[in-house]
């Protein structure tokens, strides 16, 4: 899946999978350049073809979004609905920096 994103979604800034020691839990850390990149991901080959197969064999128990979706007025309602369906949580930025 990461190769599909890497090869087809040039605005994906980070797409990393992490496994625990016994490889029974996985965390996916994604970051995108802008809203258009997020929307492209949701329409991309990885999300539309590979993710459904993964979703059928894995339990997603947490979905967290770290962005102030209030700034994304056009898609706020859709994102909030998607988060609610997946028992997701949205965290808005408070303070800090990255290099």
PDB file of N, CA and C in Angstrom:
ATOM      1  N   UNK A   1       0.824  -1.184   0.000  1.00  0.00           N
ATOM      2  CA  UNK A   1       0.000   0.000   0.000  1.00  0.00           C
ATOM      3  C   UNK A   1       0.869   1.250   0.000  1.00  0.00           C
ATOM      4  N   UNK A   2       1.958   1.234   0.771  1.00  0.00           N
ATOM      5  CA  UNK A   2       2.799   2.427   0.826  1.00  0.00           C
ATOM      6  C   UNK A   2       3.428   2.719  -0.539  1.00  0.00           C
ATOM      7  N   UNK A   3       3.789   1.687  -1.286  1.00  0.00           N
ATOM      8  CA  UNK A   3       4.351   1.899  -2.623  1.00  0.00           C
ATOM      9  C   UNK A   3       3.316   2.506  -3.563  1.00  0.00           C
ATOM     10  N   UNK A   4       2.077   2.100  -3.441  1.00  0.00           N
ATOM     11  CA  UNK A   4       1.021   2.667  -4.282  1.00  0.00           C
ATOM     12  C   UNK A   4       0.844   4.146  -3.991  1.00  0.00           C
ATOM     13  N   UNK A   5       0.883   4.518  -2.718  1.00  0.00           N
ATOM     14  CA  UNK A   5       0.774   5.933  -2.351  1.00  0.00           C
ATOM     15  C   UNK A   5       2.012   6.682  -2.828  1.00  0.00           C
ATOM     16  N   UNK A   6       3.177   6.123  -2.565  1.00  0.00           N
ATOM     17  CA  UNK A   6       4.431   6.783  -2.956  1.00  0.00           C
ATOM     18  C   UNK A   6       4.494   7.024  -4.474  1.00  0.00           C
ATOM     19  N   UNK A   7       4.067   6.058  -5.245  1.00  0.00           N
ATOM     20  CA  UNK A   7       4.165   6.159  -6.700  1.00  0.00           C
ATOM     21  C   UNK A   7       3.064   6.993  -7.346  1.00  0.00           C
ATOM     22  N   UNK A   8       1.940   7.161  -6.664  1.00  0.00           N
ATOM     23  CA  UNK A   8       0.792   7.822  -7.297  1.00  0.00           C
ATOM     24  C   UNK A   8       0.341   9.111  -6.633  1.00  0.00           C
ATOM     25  N   UNK A   9       0.832   9.401  -5.438  1.00  0.00           N
ATOM     26  CA  UNK A   9       0.358  10.575  -4.700  1.00  0.00           C
ATOM     27  C   UNK A   9       1.562  11.426  -4.285  1.00  0.00           C
ATOM     28  N   UNK A  10       1.999  12.278  -5.198  1.00  0.00           N
ATOM     29  CA  UNK A  10       3.217  13.055  -4.964  1.00  0.00           C
ATOM     30  C   UNK A  10       3.084  14.080  -3.841  1.00  0.00           C
ATOM     31  N   UNK A  11       1.864  14.426  -3.456  1.00  0.00           N
ATOM     32  CA  UNK A  11       1.663  15.395  -2.372  1.00  0.00           C
ATOM     33  C   UNK A  11       1.529  14.738  -1.001  1.00  0.00           C
ATOM     34  N   UNK A  12       1.708  13.418  -0.936  1.00  0.00           N
ATOM     35  CA  UNK A  12       1.750  12.744   0.361  1.00  0.00           C
ATOM     36  C   UNK A  12       3.126  13.027   0.957  1.00  0.00           C
ATOM     37  N   UNK A  13       3.159  13.654   2.121  1.00  0.00           N
ATOM     38  CA  UNK A  13       4.430  14.013   2.750  1.00  0.00           C
ATOM     39  C   UNK A  13       4.978  12.883   3.614  1.00  0.00           C
ATOM     40  N   UNK A  14       4.087  12.110   4.218  1.00  0.00           N
ATOM     41  CA  UNK A  14       4.494  11.001   5.090  1.00  0.00           C
ATOM     42  C   UNK A  14       3.440   9.907   4.981  1.00  0.00           C
ATOM     43  N   UNK A  15       3.912   8.677   4.861  1.00  0.00           N
ATOM     44  CA  UNK A  15       3.018   7.524   4.814  1.00  0.00           C
ATOM     45  C   UNK A  15       3.803   6.357   5.370  1.00  0.00           C
ATOM     46  N   UNK A  16       3.723   6.150   6.677  1.00  0.00           N
ATOM     47  CA  UNK A  16       4.581   5.189   7.369  1.00  0.00           C
ATOM     48  C   UNK A  16       3.762   4.234   8.222  1.00  0.00           C
ATOM     49  N   UNK A  17       4.099   2.941   8.111  1.00  0.00           N
ATOM     50  CA  UNK A  17       3.487   1.910   8.932  1.00  0.00           C
ATOM     51  C   UNK A  17       4.454   1.522  10.046  1.00  0.00           C
ATOM     52  N   UNK A  18       3.936   1.338  11.244  1.00  0.00           N
ATOM     53  CA  UNK A  18       4.722   0.899  12.397  1.00  0.00           C
ATOM     54  C   UNK A  18       4.038  -0.323  13.006  1.00  0.00           C
ATOM     55  N   UNK A  19       4.830  -1.349  13.351  1.00  0.00           N
ATOM     56  CA  UNK A  19       4.315  -2.556  13.996  1.00  0.00           C
ATOM     57  C   UNK A  19       4.849  -2.671  15.418  1.00  0.00           C
ATOM     58  N   UNK A  20       4.028  -3.243  16.308  1.00  0.00           N
ATOM     59  CA  UNK A  20       4.530  -3.544  17.644  1.00  0.00           C
ATOM     60  C   UNK A  20       5.446  -4.771  17.565  1.00  0.00           C
ATOM     61  N   UNK A  21       6.071  -5.140  18.677  1.00  0.00           N
ATOM     62  CA  UNK A  21       7.081  -6.202  18.669  1.00  0.00           C
ATOM     63  C   UNK A  21       6.556  -7.551  18.180  1.00  0.00           C
ATOM     64  N   UNK A  22       5.332  -7.912  18.562  1.00  0.00           N
ATOM     65  CA  UNK A  22       4.822  -9.214  18.117  1.00  0.00           C
ATOM     66  C   UNK A  22       3.994  -9.108  16.820  1.00  0.00           C
ATOM     67  N   UNK A  23       4.029  -7.935  16.225  1.00  0.00           N
ATOM     68  CA  UNK A  23       3.394  -7.678  14.932  1.00  0.00           C
ATOM     69  C   UNK A  23       1.894  -7.974  14.917  1.00  0.00           C
ATOM     70  N   UNK A  24       1.238  -7.668  16.039  1.00  0.00           N
ATOM     71  CA  UNK A  24      -0.208  -7.843  16.111  1.00  0.00           C
ATOM     72  C   UNK A  24      -0.953  -6.514  16.039  1.00  0.00           C
ATOM     73  N   UNK A  25      -0.224  -5.421  16.120  1.00  0.00           N
ATOM     74  CA  UNK A  25      -0.830  -4.095  16.026  1.00  0.00           C
ATOM     75  C   UNK A  25      -0.008  -3.237  15.082  1.00  0.00           C
ATOM     76  N   UNK A  26      -0.706  -2.413  14.347  1.00  0.00           N
ATOM     77  CA  UNK A  26      -0.064  -1.549  13.365  1.00  0.00           C
ATOM     78  C   UNK A  26      -0.612  -0.131  13.503  1.00  0.00           C
ATOM     79  N   UNK A  27       0.269   0.833  13.328  1.00  0.00           N
ATOM     80  CA  UNK A  27      -0.118   2.245  13.307  1.00  0.00           C
ATOM     81  C   UNK A  27       0.320   2.810  11.962  1.00  0.00           C
ATOM     82  N   UNK A  28      -0.561   3.522  11.325  1.00  0.00           N
ATOM     83  CA  UNK A  28      -0.246   4.201  10.075  1.00  0.00           C
ATOM     84  C   UNK A  28      -0.214   5.691  10.349  1.00  0.00           C
ATOM     85  N   UNK A  29       0.892   6.334  10.010  1.00  0.00           N
ATOM     86  CA  UNK A  29       1.070   7.768  10.213  1.00  0.00           C
ATOM     87  C   UNK A  29       1.125   8.419   8.833  1.00  0.00           C
ATOM     88  N   UNK A  30       0.120   9.251   8.539  1.00  0.00           N
ATOM     89  CA  UNK A  30       0.017   9.894   7.232  1.00  0.00           C
ATOM     90  C   UNK A  30       0.084  11.405   7.385  1.00  0.00           C
ATOM     91  N   UNK A  31       0.683  12.055   6.410  1.00  0.00           N
ATOM     92  CA  UNK A  31       0.722  13.516   6.385  1.00  0.00           C
ATOM     93  C   UNK A  31       0.665  13.962   4.932  1.00  0.00           C
ATOM     94  N   UNK A  32      -0.106  15.001   4.672  1.00  0.00           N
ATOM     95  CA  UNK A  32      -0.305  15.473   3.307  1.00  0.00           C
ATOM     96  C   UNK A  32       0.001  16.957   3.208  1.00  0.00           C
ATOM     97  N   UNK A  33       0.390  17.390   2.021  1.00  0.00           N
ATOM     98  CA  UNK A  33       0.815  18.769   1.783  1.00  0.00           C
ATOM     99  C   UNK A  33      -0.318  19.768   1.993  1.00  0.00           C
ATOM    100  N   UNK A  34      -1.545  19.362   1.662  1.00  0.00           N
ATOM    101  CA  UNK A  34      -2.678  20.290   1.748  1.00  0.00           C
ATOM    102  C   UNK A  34      -3.981  19.495   1.623  1.00  0.00           C
ATOM    103  N   UNK A  35      -5.078  20.209   1.671  1.00  0.00           N
ATOM    104  CA  UNK A  35      -6.392  19.571   1.585  1.00  0.00           C
ATOM    105  C   UNK A  35      -6.575  18.838   0.266  1.00  0.00           C
ATOM    106  N   UNK A  36      -6.107  19.412  -0.817  1.00  0.00           N
ATOM    107  CA  UNK A  36      -6.241  18.771  -2.117  1.00  0.00           C
ATOM    108  C   UNK A  36      -5.536  17.411  -2.130  1.00  0.00           C
ATOM    109  N   UNK A  37      -4.408  17.324  -1.440  1.00  0.00           N
ATOM    110  CA  UNK A  37      -3.675  16.053  -1.361  1.00  0.00           C
ATOM    111  C   UNK A  37      -4.460  15.008  -0.570  1.00  0.00           C
ATOM    112  N   UNK A  38      -5.138  15.433   0.484  1.00  0.00           N
ATOM    113  CA  UNK A  38      -5.975  14.512   1.265  1.00  0.00           C
ATOM    114  C   UNK A  38      -7.117  13.991   0.391  1.00  0.00           C
ATOM    115  N   UNK A  39      -7.758  14.899  -0.314  1.00  0.00           N
ATOM    116  CA  UNK A  39      -8.864  14.484  -1.182  1.00  0.00           C
ATOM    117  C   UNK A  39      -8.374  13.576  -2.300  1.00  0.00           C
ATOM    118  N   UNK A  40      -7.187  13.848  -2.847  1.00  0.00           N
ATOM    119  CA  UNK A  40      -6.614  12.976  -3.876  1.00  0.00           C
ATOM    120  C   UNK A  40      -6.341  11.590  -3.301  1.00  0.00           C
ATOM    121  N   UNK A  41      -5.886  11.533  -2.055  1.00  0.00           N
ATOM    122  CA  UNK A  41      -5.639  10.239  -1.415  1.00  0.00           C
ATOM    123  C   UNK A  41      -6.933   9.438  -1.299  1.00  0.00           C
ATOM    124  N   UNK A  42      -7.995  10.099  -0.913  1.00  0.00           N
ATOM    125  CA  UNK A  42      -9.276   9.412  -0.759  1.00  0.00           C
ATOM    126  C   UNK A  42      -9.844   8.926  -2.084  1.00  0.00           C
ATOM    127  N   UNK A  43      -9.343   9.457  -3.183  1.00  0.00           N
ATOM    128  CA  UNK A  43      -9.762   9.027  -4.525  1.00  0.00           C
ATOM    129  C   UNK A  43      -8.689   8.184  -5.203  1.00  0.00           C
ATOM    130  N   UNK A  44      -7.579   7.929  -4.503  1.00  0.00           N
ATOM    131  CA  UNK A  44      -6.439   7.247  -5.098  1.00  0.00           C
ATOM    132  C   UNK A  44      -6.558   5.738  -5.113  1.00  0.00           C
ATOM    133  N   UNK A  45      -5.673   5.120  -5.875  1.00  0.00           N
ATOM    134  CA  UNK A  45      -5.675   3.674  -6.070  1.00  0.00           C
ATOM    135  C   UNK A  45      -5.487   2.920  -4.751  1.00  0.00           C
ATOM    136  N   UNK A  46      -4.607   3.413  -3.886  1.00  0.00           N
ATOM    137  CA  UNK A  46      -4.356   2.711  -2.616  1.00  0.00           C
ATOM    138  C   UNK A  46      -5.603   2.699  -1.744  1.00  0.00           C
ATOM    139  N   UNK A  47      -6.235   3.838  -1.605  1.00  0.00           N
ATOM    140  CA  UNK A  47      -7.399   3.932  -0.731  1.00  0.00           C
ATOM    141  C   UNK A  47      -8.593   3.178  -1.309  1.00  0.00           C
ATOM    142  N   UNK A  48      -8.785   3.256  -2.608  1.00  0.00           N
ATOM    143  CA  UNK A  48      -9.969   2.653  -3.214  1.00  0.00           C
ATOM    144  C   UNK A  48      -9.841   1.156  -3.469  1.00  0.00           C
ATOM    145  N   UNK A  49      -8.626   0.661  -3.669  1.00  0.00           N
ATOM    146  CA  UNK A  49      -8.493  -0.755  -4.012  1.00  0.00           C
ATOM    147  C   UNK A  49      -7.820  -1.597  -2.936  1.00  0.00           C
ATOM    148  N   UNK A  50      -6.815  -1.054  -2.271  1.00  0.00           N
ATOM    149  CA  UNK A  50      -6.080  -1.841  -1.277  1.00  0.00           C
ATOM    150  C   UNK A  50      -6.692  -1.718   0.115  1.00  0.00           C
ATOM    151  N   UNK A  51      -7.052  -0.506   0.509  1.00  0.00           N
ATOM    152  CA  UNK A  51      -7.612  -0.290   1.850  1.00  0.00           C
ATOM    153  C   UNK A  51      -8.838  -1.157   2.133  1.00  0.00           C
ATOM    154  N   UNK A  52      -9.784  -1.298   1.209  1.00  0.00           N
ATOM    155  CA  UNK A  52     -10.940  -2.157   1.514  1.00  0.00           C
ATOM    156  C   UNK A  52     -10.548  -3.593   1.844  1.00  0.00           C
ATOM    157  N   UNK A  53      -9.532  -4.118   1.196  1.00  0.00           N
ATOM    158  CA  UNK A  53      -9.084  -5.488   1.493  1.00  0.00           C
ATOM    159  C   UNK A  53      -8.465  -5.559   2.880  1.00  0.00           C
ATOM    160  N   UNK A  54      -7.689  -4.560   3.244  1.00  0.00           N
ATOM    161  CA  UNK A  54      -7.097  -4.516   4.586  1.00  0.00           C
ATOM    162  C   UNK A  54      -8.192  -4.376   5.631  1.00  0.00           C
ATOM    163  N   UNK A  55      -9.153  -3.508   5.359  1.00  0.00           N
ATOM    164  CA  UNK A  55     -10.255  -3.267   6.294  1.00  0.00           C
ATOM    165  C   UNK A  55     -11.056  -4.547   6.553  1.00  0.00           C
ATOM    166  N   UNK A  56     -11.124  -5.439   5.569  1.00  0.00           N
ATOM    167  CA  UNK A  56     -11.863  -6.699   5.732  1.00  0.00           C
ATOM    168  C   UNK A  56     -11.160  -7.702   6.635  1.00  0.00           C
ATOM    169  N   UNK A  57      -9.845  -7.573   6.818  1.00  0.00           N
ATOM    170  CA  UNK A  57      -9.121  -8.546   7.644  1.00  0.00           C
ATOM    171  C   UNK A  57      -8.554  -7.950   8.928  1.00  0.00           C
ATOM    172  N   UNK A  58      -8.646  -6.632   9.082  1.00  0.00           N
ATOM    173  CA  UNK A  58      -8.097  -5.965  10.266  1.00  0.00           C
ATOM    174  C   UNK A  58      -9.176  -5.175  10.987  1.00  0.00           C
ATOM    175  N   UNK A  59      -8.988  -5.035  12.265  1.00  0.00           N
ATOM    176  CA  UNK A  59      -9.892  -4.207  13.060  1.00  0.00           C
ATOM    177  C   UNK A  59      -9.230  -2.839  13.243  1.00  0.00           C
ATOM    178  N   UNK A  60      -9.909  -1.808  12.785  1.00  0.00           N
ATOM    179  CA  UNK A  60      -9.424  -0.449  13.022  1.00  0.00           C
ATOM    180  C   UNK A  60     -10.091   0.028  14.295  1.00  0.00           C
ATOM    181  N   UNK A  61      -9.291   0.224  15.340  1.00  0.00           N
ATOM    182  CA  UNK A  61      -9.890   0.594  16.615  1.00  0.00           C
ATOM    183  C   UNK A  61      -9.685   2.062  16.972  1.00  0.00           C
ATOM    184  N   UNK A  62      -8.948   2.759  16.136  1.00  0.00           N
ATOM    185  CA  UNK A  62      -8.760   4.179  16.427  1.00  0.00           C
ATOM    186  C   UNK A  62      -8.393   4.909  15.140  1.00  0.00           C
ATOM    187  N   UNK A  63      -8.969   6.056  14.980  1.00  0.00           N
ATOM    188  CA  UNK A  63      -8.721   6.900  13.820  1.00  0.00           C
ATOM    189  C   UNK A  63      -8.606   8.316  14.336  1.00  0.00           C
ATOM    190  N   UNK A  64      -7.433   8.900  14.221  1.00  0.00           N
ATOM    191  CA  UNK A  64      -7.210  10.240  14.762  1.00  0.00           C
ATOM    192  C   UNK A  64      -6.745  11.175  13.657  1.00  0.00           C
ATOM    193  N   UNK A  65      -7.280  12.378  13.668  1.00  0.00           N
ATOM    194  CA  UNK A  65      -6.912  13.398  12.698  1.00  0.00           C
ATOM    195  C   UNK A  65      -6.308  14.565  13.461  1.00  0.00           C
ATOM    196  N   UNK A  66      -5.120  14.963  13.047  1.00  0.00           N
ATOM    197  CA  UNK A  66      -4.425  16.061  13.695  1.00  0.00           C
ATOM    198  C   UNK A  66      -4.377  17.256  12.749  1.00  0.00           C
ATOM    199  N   UNK A  67      -5.458  17.972  12.696  1.00  0.00           N
ATOM    200  CA  UNK A  67      -5.570  19.180  11.873  1.00  0.00           C
ATOM    201  C   UNK A  67      -6.799  19.935  12.354  1.00  0.00           C
ATOM    202  N   UNK A  68      -6.784  21.224  12.171  1.00  0.00           N
ATOM    203  CA  UNK A  68      -7.956  22.004  12.538  1.00  0.00           C
ATOM    204  C   UNK A  68      -8.928  21.955  11.378  1.00  0.00           C
ATOM    205  N   UNK A  69      -9.854  21.002  11.426  1.00  0.00           N
ATOM    206  CA  UNK A  69     -10.775  20.843  10.305  1.00  0.00           C
ATOM    207  C   UNK A  69     -11.755  22.002  10.195  1.00  0.00           C
ATOM    208  N   UNK A  70     -11.811  22.864  11.211  1.00  0.00           N
ATOM    209  CA  UNK A  70     -12.642  24.052  11.088  1.00  0.00           C
ATOM    210  C   UNK A  70     -12.139  24.949   9.964  1.00  0.00           C
ATOM    211  N   UNK A  71     -10.851  24.867   9.644  1.00  0.00           N
ATOM    212  CA  UNK A  71     -10.300  25.649   8.548  1.00  0.00           C
ATOM    213  C   UNK A  71     -10.702  25.075   7.195  1.00  0.00           C
ATOM    214  N   UNK A  72     -11.149  23.844   7.180  1.00  0.00           N
ATOM    215  CA  UNK A  72     -11.535  23.189   5.934  1.00  0.00           C
ATOM    216  C   UNK A  72     -13.051  23.225   5.798  1.00  0.00           C
ATOM    217  N   UNK A  73     -13.615  24.395   5.752  1.00  0.00           N
ATOM    218  CA  UNK A  73     -15.059  24.562   5.799  1.00  0.00           C
ATOM    219  C   UNK A  73     -15.806  23.731   4.749  1.00  0.00           C
ATOM    220  N   UNK A  74     -15.226  23.581   3.567  1.00  0.00           N
ATOM    221  CA  UNK A  74     -15.922  22.865   2.497  1.00  0.00           C
ATOM    222  C   UNK A  74     -16.102  21.383   2.775  1.00  0.00           C
ATOM    223  N   UNK A  75     -15.199  20.802   3.546  1.00  0.00           N
ATOM    224  CA  UNK A  75     -15.288  19.359   3.786  1.00  0.00           C
ATOM    225  C   UNK A  75     -15.471  19.019   5.263  1.00  0.00           C
ATOM    226  N   UNK A  76     -15.649  20.024   6.101  1.00  0.00           N
ATOM    227  CA  UNK A  76     -15.775  19.772   7.541  1.00  0.00           C
ATOM    228  C   UNK A  76     -16.891  18.773   7.845  1.00  0.00           C
ATOM    229  N   UNK A  77     -18.037  18.939   7.251  1.00  0.00           N
ATOM    230  CA  UNK A  77     -19.170  18.057   7.528  1.00  0.00           C
ATOM    231  C   UNK A  77     -18.838  16.625   7.126  1.00  0.00           C
ATOM    232  N   UNK A  78     -18.209  16.441   5.967  1.00  0.00           N
ATOM    233  CA  UNK A  78     -17.852  15.092   5.515  1.00  0.00           C
ATOM    234  C   UNK A  78     -16.815  14.460   6.424  1.00  0.00           C
ATOM    235  N   UNK A  79     -15.811  15.234   6.841  1.00  0.00           N
ATOM    236  CA  UNK A  79     -14.796  14.696   7.733  1.00  0.00           C
ATOM    237  C   UNK A  79     -15.377  14.334   9.089  1.00  0.00           C
ATOM    238  N   UNK A  80     -16.224  15.168   9.628  1.00  0.00           N
ATOM    239  CA  UNK A  80     -16.832  14.881  10.927  1.00  0.00           C
ATOM    240  C   UNK A  80     -17.702  13.624  10.846  1.00  0.00           C
ATOM    241  N   UNK A  81     -18.409  13.445   9.747  1.00  0.00           N
ATOM    242  CA  UNK A  81     -19.239  12.257   9.565  1.00  0.00           C
ATOM    243  C   UNK A  81     -18.357  11.008   9.483  1.00  0.00           C
ATOM    244  N   UNK A  82     -17.266  11.094   8.716  1.00  0.00           N
ATOM    245  CA  UNK A  82     -16.353   9.956   8.593  1.00  0.00           C
ATOM    246  C   UNK A  82     -15.724   9.621   9.939  1.00  0.00           C
ATOM    247  N   UNK A  83     -15.314  10.637  10.686  1.00  0.00           N
ATOM    248  CA  UNK A  83     -14.724  10.401  12.006  1.00  0.00           C
ATOM    249  C   UNK A  83     -15.731   9.740  12.940  1.00  0.00           C
ATOM    250  N   UNK A  84     -16.972  10.206  12.917  1.00  0.00           N
ATOM    251  CA  UNK A  84     -18.002   9.641  13.787  1.00  0.00           C
ATOM    252  C   UNK A  84     -18.252   8.168  13.449  1.00  0.00           C
ATOM    253  N   UNK A  85     -18.270   7.822  12.171  1.00  0.00           N
ATOM    254  CA  UNK A  85     -18.509   6.441  11.757  1.00  0.00           C
ATOM    255  C   UNK A  85     -17.377   5.523  12.196  1.00  0.00           C
ATOM    256  N   UNK A  86     -16.167   6.045  12.284  1.00  0.00           N
ATOM    257  CA  UNK A  86     -15.017   5.231  12.662  1.00  0.00           C
ATOM    258  C   UNK A  86     -14.615   5.463  14.110  1.00  0.00           C
ATOM    259  N   UNK A  87     -15.501   6.078  14.910  1.00  0.00           N
ATOM    260  CA  UNK A  87     -15.191   6.415  16.293  1.00  0.00           C
ATOM    261  C   UNK A  87     -13.898   7.229  16.355  1.00  0.00           C
ATOM    262  N   UNK A  88     -13.739   8.129  15.413  1.00  0.00           N
ATOM    263  CA  UNK A  88     -12.527   8.921  15.302  1.00  0.00           C
ATOM    264  C   UNK A  88     -12.530  10.146  16.184  1.00  0.00           C
ATOM    265  N   UNK A  89     -11.351  10.682  16.352  1.00  0.00           N
ATOM    266  CA  UNK A  89     -11.143  11.879  17.164  1.00  0.00           C
ATOM    267  C   UNK A  89     -10.368  12.887  16.327  1.00  0.00           C
ATOM    268  N   UNK A  90     -10.764  14.141  16.399  1.00  0.00           N
ATOM    269  CA  UNK A  90     -10.024  15.208  15.740  1.00  0.00           C
ATOM    270  C   UNK A  90      -9.295  16.026  16.786  1.00  0.00           C
ATOM    271  N   UNK A  91      -8.006  16.231  16.580  1.00  0.00           N
ATOM    272  CA  UNK A  91      -7.201  17.079  17.451  1.00  0.00           C
ATOM    273  C   UNK A  91      -6.819  18.318  16.667  1.00  0.00           C
ATOM    274  N   UNK A  92      -7.066  19.492  17.220  1.00  0.00           N
ATOM    275  CA  UNK A  92      -6.649  20.716  16.534  1.00  0.00           C
ATOM    276  C   UNK A  92      -5.288  21.163  17.100  1.00  0.00           C
ATOM    277  N   UNK A  93      -4.551  21.843  16.289  1.00  0.00           N
ATOM    278  CA  UNK A  93      -3.199  22.261  16.649  1.00  0.00           C
ATOM    279  C   UNK A  93      -3.236  23.292  17.766  1.00  0.00           C
ATOM    280  N   UNK A  94      -2.390  23.108  18.754  1.00  0.00           N
ATOM    281  CA  UNK A  94      -2.278  24.063  19.858  1.00  0.00           C
ATOM    282  C   UNK A  94      -1.005  24.895  19.703  1.00  0.00           C
ATOM    283  N   UNK A  95       0.143  24.237  19.726  1.00  0.00           N
ATOM    284  CA  UNK A  95       1.401  24.946  19.582  1.00  0.00           C
ATOM    285  C   UNK A  95       2.521  23.946  19.300  1.00  0.00           C
ATOM    286  N   UNK A  96       3.637  24.428  18.822  1.00  0.00           N
ATOM    287  CA  UNK A  96       4.792  23.576  18.560  1.00  0.00           C
ATOM    288  C   UNK A  96       5.403  23.893  17.210  1.00  0.00           C
ATOM    289  N   UNK A  97       6.352  23.076  16.795  1.00  0.00           N
ATOM    290  CA  UNK A  97       7.012  23.286  15.513  1.00  0.00           C
ATOM    291  C   UNK A  97       7.515  21.962  14.966  1.00  0.00           C
ATOM    292  N   UNK A  98       7.842  21.946  13.692  1.00  0.00           N
ATOM    293  CA  UNK A  98       8.477  20.803  13.049  1.00  0.00           C
ATOM    294  C   UNK A  98       9.507  21.356  12.076  1.00  0.00           C
ATOM    295  N   UNK A  99      10.484  20.558  11.746  1.00  0.00           N
ATOM    296  CA  UNK A  99      11.546  20.998  10.829  1.00  0.00           C
ATOM    297  C   UNK A  99      11.285  20.481   9.452  1.00  0.00           C
TER     298      UNK A  99
END
